[in-house]
Amino acid sequence: MSKSDRIVAAGHPKYHKGEVHINKQGDCFRGVPEAVWNFYIGGYQVCQKWLKDRKGRTLSDEDILHYHKIVVALAETIKLMQLIDAAIPSFPIK
């Protein structure tokens, strides 16, 4: 992410083709898989909610690093869920 203003603006974040835009200036996170963006936990879309909770704030370097870690953790979670689903041939277990 560039260091222009890094403010999460109203009406954002917006996802488009692997990019999570946080404002109209073009600040965005690149390389976010669609499955990660659309991943829900407890009724919340994790990647969107984290940024919405910071609306109006300038993201620090630590915030940006933390968001990257969230994306990686969710991608790995999705992989593990797929492996578990493949290991269990039929659900529910009888």
Protein backbone atom coordinates (compact mmCIF):
# COMPACT_ATOMS: atom_id res chain seq x y z
CA MET A 1 0.00 0.00 0.00
CA SER A 2 1.25 3.45 -0.88
CA LYS A 3 1.72 6.06 1.81
CA SER A 4 -0.60 8.76 0.41
CA ASP A 5 -3.16 9.34 3.13
CA ARG A 6 -4.12 5.74 4.08
CA ILE A 7 -7.42 6.93 5.56
CA VAL A 8 -10.32 4.49 5.51
CA ALA A 9 -13.01 6.65 3.89
CA ALA A 10 -16.79 6.55 4.13
CA GLY A 11 -18.31 4.10 1.68
CA HIS A 12 -15.24 1.89 1.86
CA PRO A 13 -13.74 -0.68 1.87
CA LYS A 14 -14.62 -1.90 -1.60
CA TYR A 15 -13.39 -5.12 -3.16
CA HIS A 16 -12.57 -5.41 -6.86
CA LYS A 17 -10.54 -8.15 -8.55
CA GLY A 18 -8.17 -8.92 -5.70
CA GLU A 19 -7.87 -5.35 -4.43
CA VAL A 20 -9.43 -3.91 -1.29
CA HIS A 21 -9.78 -0.16 -1.80
CA ILE A 22 -9.99 1.95 1.34
CA ASN A 23 -10.57 5.37 -0.26
CA LYS A 24 -11.07 7.19 -3.56
CA GLN A 25 -7.38 8.14 -3.72
CA GLY A 26 -6.60 4.58 -4.72
CA ASP A 27 -5.06 3.32 -1.51
CA CYS A 28 -5.63 -0.42 -1.51
CA PHE A 29 -4.48 -3.82 -0.39
CA ARG A 30 -3.55 -5.96 -3.38
CA GLY A 31 -3.56 -9.74 -3.74
CA VAL A 32 -6.53 -10.45 -1.47
CA PRO A 33 -8.21 -13.63 -2.73
CA GLU A 34 -11.97 -13.36 -3.24
CA ALA A 35 -12.55 -16.36 -0.94
CA VAL A 36 -10.68 -14.52 1.84
CA TRP A 37 -12.64 -11.30 1.27
CA ASN A 38 -15.92 -13.24 1.40
CA PHE A 39 -15.01 -15.29 4.49
CA TYR A 40 -17.41 -14.90 7.42
CA ILE A 41 -16.91 -15.67 11.10
CA GLY A 42 -19.81 -15.23 13.50
CA GLY A 43 -21.88 -13.43 10.90
CA TYR A 44 -19.16 -10.90 10.08
CA GLN A 45 -17.18 -10.54 6.88
CA VAL A 46 -13.79 -10.39 8.62
CA CYS A 47 -11.70 -8.39 6.11
CA GLN A 48 -14.44 -5.84 5.56
CA LYS A 49 -15.39 -5.46 9.24
CA TRP A 50 -11.82 -4.87 10.40
CA LEU A 51 -11.45 -1.96 7.99
CA LYS A 52 -14.95 -0.56 8.63
CA ASP A 53 -14.13 -0.44 12.34
CA ARG A 54 -11.27 1.93 11.41
CA LYS A 55 -13.33 4.27 9.22
CA GLY A 56 -11.99 7.82 9.36
CA ARG A 57 -8.63 6.70 10.75
CA THR A 58 -5.27 6.78 9.08
CA LEU A 59 -3.85 3.26 8.98
CA SER A 60 -0.44 2.98 10.62
CA ASP A 61 2.32 0.71 9.39
CA GLU A 62 1.35 -1.67 12.21
CA ASP A 63 -2.31 -1.62 11.10
CA ILE A 64 -1.29 -2.50 7.55
CA LEU A 65 0.94 -5.34 8.74
CA HIS A 66 -1.87 -6.63 10.96
CA TYR A 67 -4.33 -6.60 8.04
CA HIS A 68 -1.85 -8.58 5.94
CA LYS A 69 -1.62 -11.12 8.76
CA ILE A 70 -5.42 -11.39 8.87
CA VAL A 71 -5.52 -12.10 5.13
CA VAL A 72 -2.84 -14.81 5.43
CA ALA A 73 -4.52 -16.39 8.47
CA LEU A 74 -7.87 -16.55 6.70
CA ALA A 75 -6.31 -18.02 3.55
CA GLU A 76 -4.68 -20.75 5.64
CA THR A 77 -7.94 -21.35 7.52
CA ILE A 78 -9.76 -21.85 4.23
CA LYS A 79 -7.10 -24.36 3.10
CA LEU A 80 -7.39 -26.29 6.37
CA MET A 81 -11.18 -26.35 6.13
CA GLN A 82 -10.92 -27.82 2.64
CA LEU A 83 -8.51 -30.50 3.87
CA ILE A 84 -10.84 -31.39 6.73
CA ASP A 85 -13.82 -31.57 4.39
CA ALA A 86 -11.85 -33.87 2.06
CA ALA A 87 -10.80 -36.12 4.98
CA ILE A 88 -14.40 -36.62 6.08
CA PRO A 89 -16.09 -38.48 3.21
CA SER A 90 -19.63 -38.02 4.42
CA PHE A 91 -21.18 -35.58 6.79
CA PRO A 92 -22.83 -35.94 9.14
CA ILE A 93 -20.91 -38.89 10.50
CA LYS A 94 -23.23 -41.85 10.99
